[in-house]
Amino acid sequence: MLTKKSVVSIGDISNDDIFRVFERASSFKQKLSKGEKIKTMDGKIMATLFFEPSTRTRLSFESAMHRLGGGVISVSEPKSSSASKGETLADTIRMASSYSDIIAMRHPMEGAARLASEFSSVPVLNGGDGSGQHPTQTLLDLFTIWEKFKSLDDLNISMVGDLKYGRTVHSLLRALNRFDTTITLISPESLEMPDHILSTLDHPEKVTKGTDINPILEKTDVFYVTRIQKERFVDLNDYAKVIGSYSFDPETVSKMKKNAIIMHPLPRVDEISPDVDRDPRAFYFKQAENGVYVRMALIDMILGGA
């Protein structure tokens, strides 16, 4: 059960709880579509502490809390917090947890969310820690797949792009490998999925690696595309060598299965052409919208909403 529990890694959530989140997210999605008011978090406050730029994650967390009837206090960038004065993360978390009932945090340092959970007196939700993990993104990704295919089993899923620094795929790979899925990892050799992630998988035999996208276009049910992250490169010459490695344009998409979907955690650069947006297989904006319902469900379950 998730009651009063921090979620800093996808490993903090059991398969049973994943499906409980899906059920509650579906319920909230249906209620909101009918214009119903939800007040399960009336009187509760969420603190959003974002020490790294974010649009979708921060806004969807805040939207989720507001839609549940709760309130939000926010730090949207490091310069607006006492961290700019040298305050430690531990002290910031102790302070924020005394002002709120739950904390959603993003931080550029891998492991920061786990550290924060040790100093916080309230549950902490990891909104991304460096190139580490992003478990709430994983939940909304899984929900989007489950909503489309009515299952997380018997699917061929391909992750494409930056698999070295992409924290979304680090969490998602771990989660999907707990189900009966076949996973293909496509990336430049310099951006392969790290060995320390692969070594933690329950079923590594269900995962294969490659560099060429063409052989999998007609076989894949779900393409999970990621941006080549310029901000993660120390040497921009290395970035220049891999930018544009993969591109989903109408010609590429025409070779895909009719029932396949394209997902992306966003923001995108050049890896998915805007010309693809109107294709019914483009699911990345539906995916972003689902972030609100999934985070509503997670907050509600953790804080004991009815």
Protein backbone atom coordinates (compact mmCIF):
# COMPACT_ATOMS: atom_id res chain seq x y z
CA MET A 1 0.00 0.00 0.00
CA LEU A 2 1.12 3.57 -0.72
CA THR A 3 -0.40 5.35 2.28
CA LYS A 4 2.06 7.89 3.75
CA LYS A 5 4.81 6.46 1.55
CA SER A 6 7.50 8.31 -0.41
CA VAL A 7 7.97 7.36 -4.07
CA VAL A 8 11.52 8.09 -5.19
CA SER A 9 12.04 5.01 -7.38
CA ILE A 10 9.74 2.80 -9.42
CA GLY A 11 10.96 0.04 -7.12
CA ASP A 12 8.93 1.70 -4.34
CA ILE A 13 5.70 0.70 -6.13
CA SER A 14 4.47 -2.90 -6.41
CA ASN A 15 2.71 -4.23 -9.50
CA ASP A 16 -0.53 -4.40 -7.52
CA ASP A 17 -0.19 -0.74 -6.57
CA ILE A 18 0.53 0.19 -10.19
CA PHE A 19 -2.87 -1.18 -11.21
CA ARG A 20 -4.54 0.48 -8.21
CA VAL A 21 -3.12 3.78 -9.44
CA PHE A 22 -4.50 3.05 -12.91
CA GLU A 23 -7.99 2.36 -11.54
CA ARG A 24 -8.06 5.56 -9.51
CA ALA A 25 -6.57 7.61 -12.36
CA SER A 26 -9.27 6.27 -14.70
CA SER A 27 -11.94 7.20 -12.17
CA PHE A 28 -10.62 10.74 -11.80
CA LYS A 29 -10.30 11.13 -15.57
CA GLN A 30 -13.93 10.10 -16.01
CA LYS A 31 -15.17 12.38 -13.24
CA LEU A 32 -13.30 15.40 -14.57
CA SER A 33 -14.62 14.76 -18.08
CA LYS A 34 -18.12 15.07 -16.60
CA GLY A 35 -17.23 18.30 -14.81
CA GLU A 36 -17.48 16.74 -11.35
CA LYS A 37 -15.68 18.42 -8.46
CA ILE A 38 -13.21 16.39 -6.40
CA LYS A 39 -12.38 17.54 -2.87
CA THR A 40 -10.48 14.63 -1.33
CA MET A 41 -7.45 16.84 -0.59
CA ASP A 42 -9.38 19.77 0.84
CA GLY A 43 -7.14 21.39 3.47
CA LYS A 44 -3.99 19.58 2.29
CA ILE A 45 -0.92 21.38 0.91
CA MET A 46 1.70 20.20 -1.57
CA ALA A 47 5.15 21.80 -1.75
CA THR A 48 6.71 21.64 -5.22
CA LEU A 49 10.48 22.11 -5.03
CA PHE A 50 12.00 22.25 -8.50
CA PHE A 51 15.74 22.92 -8.54
CA GLU A 52 15.92 22.12 -12.26
CA PRO A 53 13.79 23.51 -15.12
CA SER A 54 10.45 21.79 -15.70
CA THR A 55 7.18 22.53 -17.46
CA ARG A 56 5.02 19.40 -17.70
CA THR A 57 6.08 17.72 -14.47
CA ARG A 58 5.75 20.76 -12.21
CA LEU A 59 2.52 22.01 -13.79
CA SER A 60 0.90 18.57 -13.77
CA PHE A 61 1.79 18.03 -10.10
CA GLU A 62 0.31 21.41 -9.22
CA SER A 63 -2.73 20.90 -11.45
CA ALA A 64 -3.29 17.49 -9.85
CA MET A 65 -3.29 18.92 -6.33
CA HIS A 66 -5.59 21.79 -7.28
CA ARG A 67 -8.01 19.41 -9.01
CA LEU A 68 -8.13 17.34 -5.82
CA GLY A 69 -9.15 20.46 -3.90
CA GLY A 70 -5.79 21.01 -2.20
CA GLY A 71 -3.33 23.90 -2.22
CA VAL A 72 0.23 24.35 -3.51
CA ILE A 73 3.30 26.23 -2.34
CA SER A 74 6.14 26.30 -4.82
CA VAL A 75 9.83 26.85 -5.50
CA SER A 76 10.16 26.89 -9.28
CA GLU A 77 13.90 27.59 -9.63
CA PRO A 78 17.02 27.48 -7.42
CA LYS A 79 17.55 31.25 -7.48
CA SER A 80 14.22 31.80 -5.71
CA SER A 81 15.13 29.52 -2.80
CA SER A 82 17.60 29.72 0.06
CA ALA A 83 19.71 27.14 -1.76
CA SER A 84 21.17 30.14 -3.57
CA LYS A 85 22.41 31.32 -0.16
CA GLY A 86 24.07 28.01 0.59
CA GLU A 87 21.29 26.25 2.50
CA THR A 88 21.68 22.48 2.44
CA LEU A 89 19.09 20.26 0.78
CA ALA A 90 18.45 18.60 4.14
CA ASP A 91 17.53 21.91 5.77
CA THR A 92 15.36 22.95 2.82
CA ILE A 93 13.45 19.67 3.04
CA ARG A 94 13.02 19.90 6.83
CA MET A 95 11.58 23.38 6.36
CA ALA A 96 9.29 22.49 3.45
CA SER A 97 7.94 19.39 5.16
CA SER A 98 6.89 21.49 8.14
CA TYR A 99 4.82 23.68 5.79
CA SER A 100 3.16 20.93 3.75
CA ASP A 101 1.58 17.47 3.69
CA ILE A 102 3.52 16.14 0.69
CA ILE A 103 6.54 17.26 -1.36
CA ALA A 104 7.13 16.89 -5.12
CA MET A 105 10.76 17.55 -5.99
CA ARG A 106 13.08 17.73 -8.99
CA HIS A 107 16.82 18.06 -8.51
CA PRO A 108 19.86 17.90 -10.84
CA MET A 109 21.73 15.55 -8.49
CA GLU A 110 21.10 11.82 -8.84
CA GLY A 111 20.00 10.42 -5.49
CA ALA A 112 18.70 13.77 -4.19
CA ALA A 113 15.12 12.51 -3.86
CA ARG A 114 16.18 9.53 -1.75
CA LEU A 115 18.21 11.86 0.46
CA ALA A 116 15.25 14.22 0.76
CA SER A 117 12.94 11.40 1.84
CA GLU A 118 15.28 10.63 4.73
CA PHE A 119 15.02 14.18 6.10
CA SER A 120 11.36 14.84 5.33
CA SER A 121 8.54 14.34 7.84
CA VAL A 122 6.04 14.01 4.95
CA PRO A 123 6.03 11.81 1.81
CA VAL A 124 8.36 12.84 -1.04
CA LEU A 125 7.56 12.29 -4.73
CA ASN A 126 10.54 12.23 -7.06
CA GLY A 127 9.90 14.42 -10.11
CA GLY A 128 13.31 13.55 -11.57
CA ASP A 129 16.80 13.43 -10.03
CA GLY A 130 19.60 14.13 -12.48
CA SER A 131 20.04 11.17 -14.81
CA GLY A 132 18.63 8.86 -12.14
CA GLN A 133 14.92 8.05 -12.04
CA HIS A 134 11.53 9.61 -12.73
CA PRO A 135 8.95 7.21 -11.22
CA THR A 136 5.81 9.34 -11.61
CA GLN A 137 6.62 9.77 -15.31
CA THR A 138 6.92 5.99 -15.51
CA LEU A 139 3.47 5.57 -13.94
CA LEU A 140 1.85 7.89 -16.48
CA ASP A 141 3.77 6.15 -19.29
CA LEU A 142 2.53 2.75 -18.12
CA PHE A 143 -1.00 4.11 -17.74
CA THR A 144 -0.94 5.44 -21.32
CA ILE A 145 0.16 2.03 -22.65
CA TRP A 146 -2.38 0.18 -20.48
CA GLU A 147 -5.19 2.51 -21.52
CA LYS A 148 -4.42 1.89 -25.21
CA PHE A 149 -3.76 -1.86 -25.16
CA LYS A 150 -5.74 -2.86 -22.01
CA SER A 151 -2.65 -4.71 -20.81
CA LEU A 152 1.06 -4.40 -20.09
CA ASP A 153 1.76 -7.92 -21.36
CA ASP A 154 2.43 -9.42 -24.80
CA LEU A 155 3.78 -6.16 -26.23
CA ASN A 156 6.88 -5.26 -28.24
CA ILE A 157 8.26 -1.99 -26.92
CA SER A 158 11.18 -0.05 -28.39
CA MET A 159 13.03 2.72 -26.58
CA VAL A 160 14.82 5.05 -28.97
CA GLY A 161 17.35 7.88 -28.49
CA ASP A 162 19.27 8.92 -25.40
CA LEU A 163 19.17 5.88 -23.14
CA LYS A 164 22.30 6.81 -21.17
CA TYR A 165 21.14 10.05 -19.57
CA GLY A 166 17.37 9.67 -20.02
CA ARG A 167 16.00 9.10 -16.51
CA THR A 168 12.52 8.42 -17.91
CA VAL A 169 13.73 5.30 -19.73
CA HIS A 170 15.77 4.15 -16.73
CA SER A 171 12.60 3.91 -14.64
CA LEU A 172 10.39 2.71 -17.48
CA LEU A 173 12.71 -0.15 -18.47
CA ARG A 174 12.79 -1.45 -14.90
CA ALA A 175 9.00 -1.29 -14.67
CA LEU A 176 8.19 -2.86 -18.06
CA ASN A 177 10.65 -5.69 -17.46
CA ARG A 178 8.45 -6.81 -14.56
CA PHE A 179 5.75 -7.68 -17.11
CA ASP A 180 5.65 -10.02 -20.11
CA THR A 181 7.07 -7.53 -22.62
CA THR A 182 9.79 -7.73 -25.26
CA ILE A 183 11.97 -4.62 -25.18
CA THR A 184 14.39 -3.31 -27.81
CA LEU A 185 16.86 -0.56 -26.94
CA ILE A 186 17.91 1.58 -29.93
CA SER A 187 20.57 4.25 -29.45
CA PRO A 188 23.95 5.50 -30.63
CA GLU A 189 26.69 3.39 -29.05
CA SER A 190 27.76 6.36 -26.91
CA LEU A 191 24.25 6.69 -25.46
CA GLU A 192 23.45 3.06 -24.64
CA MET A 193 21.45 2.06 -21.58
CA PRO A 194 23.91 1.98 -18.64
CA ASP A 195 25.04 -1.41 -17.40
CA HIS A 196 24.07 -0.52 -13.83
CA ILE A 197 20.45 -0.25 -15.02
CA LEU A 198 20.57 -3.45 -17.08
CA SER A 199 22.07 -5.38 -14.17
CA THR A 200 19.00 -4.67 -12.02
CA LEU A 201 16.45 -6.16 -14.44
CA ASP A 202 14.29 -9.11 -13.43
CA HIS A 203 14.31 -10.60 -16.94
CA PRO A 204 17.33 -9.33 -18.91
CA GLU A 205 16.79 -12.04 -21.53
CA LYS A 206 13.74 -10.11 -22.77
CA VAL A 207 15.86 -7.06 -23.66
CA THR A 208 17.93 -6.61 -26.82
CA LYS A 209 20.08 -3.70 -28.03
CA GLY A 210 20.75 -2.17 -31.43
CA THR A 211 21.60 1.03 -33.31
CA ASP A 212 19.36 0.74 -36.41
CA ILE A 213 15.67 1.61 -36.15
CA ASN A 214 14.60 0.22 -39.53
CA PRO A 215 14.41 -3.50 -38.63
CA ILE A 216 11.95 -2.83 -35.79
CA LEU A 217 9.54 -0.41 -37.47
CA GLU A 218 7.08 -3.12 -38.53
CA LYS A 219 7.36 -5.13 -35.30
CA THR A 220 6.97 -2.56 -32.53
CA ASP A 221 3.73 -1.81 -30.66
CA VAL A 222 5.08 1.12 -28.62
CA PHE A 223 7.89 3.46 -29.64
CA TYR A 224 9.19 5.41 -26.66
CA VAL A 225 11.29 8.19 -28.17
CA THR A 226 13.64 10.38 -26.12
CA ARG A 227 15.44 13.64 -26.75
CA ILE A 228 19.23 13.80 -27.05
CA GLN A 229 19.81 15.91 -23.94
CA LYS A 230 22.29 18.67 -24.70
CA GLU A 231 22.41 19.76 -21.04
CA ARG A 232 23.83 16.36 -19.97
CA PHE A 233 26.93 16.59 -22.21
CA VAL A 234 30.20 17.95 -20.85
CA ASP A 235 31.73 18.14 -24.35
CA LEU A 236 29.40 19.69 -26.95
CA ASN A 237 31.43 18.04 -29.71
CA ASP A 238 30.10 14.72 -28.43
CA TYR A 239 26.58 16.13 -28.56
CA ALA A 240 27.07 17.27 -32.17
CA LYS A 241 28.02 13.72 -33.16
CA VAL A 242 24.70 12.20 -32.02
CA ILE A 243 22.05 14.92 -32.47
CA GLY A 244 19.62 13.89 -35.18
CA SER A 245 20.50 10.19 -34.92
CA TYR A 246 16.84 9.20 -35.16
CA SER A 247 13.90 11.07 -36.59
CA PHE A 248 10.24 10.10 -36.77
CA ASP A 249 8.80 11.82 -39.84
CA PRO A 250 5.78 10.83 -41.97
CA GLU A 251 7.93 8.51 -44.10
CA THR A 252 9.24 6.66 -41.03
CA VAL A 253 5.80 6.47 -39.44
CA SER A 254 4.28 5.05 -42.64
CA LYS A 255 6.35 1.89 -42.08
CA MET A 256 4.95 1.33 -38.58
CA LYS A 257 2.12 -0.98 -37.54
CA LYS A 258 -1.31 0.64 -37.90
CA ASN A 259 -2.09 0.03 -34.23
CA ALA A 260 1.31 1.14 -32.90
CA ILE A 261 1.79 4.30 -30.84
CA ILE A 262 4.57 6.85 -30.49
CA MET A 263 5.31 8.18 -27.01
CA HIS A 264 7.73 10.85 -25.83
CA PRO A 265 8.25 12.37 -22.35
CA LEU A 266 8.74 15.81 -23.97
CA PRO A 267 10.14 18.33 -24.66
CA ARG A 268 11.18 17.26 -28.15
CA VAL A 269 13.76 18.83 -30.46
CA ASP A 270 14.04 17.19 -33.87
CA GLU A 271 13.37 13.53 -33.07
CA ILE A 272 9.64 13.73 -33.92
CA SER A 273 8.50 15.97 -36.78
CA PRO A 274 5.46 18.19 -36.10
CA ASP A 275 4.06 16.67 -39.30
CA VAL A 276 3.48 13.48 -37.28
CA ASP A 277 1.32 15.18 -34.63
CA ARG A 278 -1.98 14.58 -36.42
CA ASP A 279 -1.28 10.90 -37.05
CA PRO A 280 -3.54 8.79 -34.76
CA ARG A 281 -0.44 6.92 -33.63
CA ALA A 282 1.01 10.09 -32.04
CA PHE A 283 0.26 9.64 -28.34
CA TYR A 284 2.72 12.04 -26.68
CA PHE A 285 0.21 14.81 -25.94
CA LYS A 286 -2.31 12.29 -24.56
CA GLN A 287 0.57 10.93 -22.52
CA ALA A 288 1.30 14.41 -21.09
CA GLU A 289 -2.38 14.92 -20.24
CA ASN A 290 -2.46 11.58 -18.42
CA GLY A 291 0.20 12.94 -16.09
CA VAL A 292 -2.44 14.96 -14.26
CA TYR A 293 -4.77 11.99 -13.65
CA VAL A 294 -1.98 9.65 -12.58
CA ARG A 295 -0.45 12.19 -10.20
CA MET A 296 -3.92 12.89 -8.80
CA ALA A 297 -4.30 9.18 -8.10
CA LEU A 298 -0.85 8.90 -6.53
CA ILE A 299 -1.33 11.91 -4.25
CA ASP A 300 -4.79 10.73 -3.27
CA MET A 301 -3.60 7.23 -2.39
CA ILE A 302 -0.57 8.43 -0.43
CA LEU A 303 -2.49 10.98 1.62
CA GLY A 304 -5.47 8.68 2.17
CA GLY A 305 -8.18 10.34 0.11
CA ALA A 306 -11.59 8.68 0.00
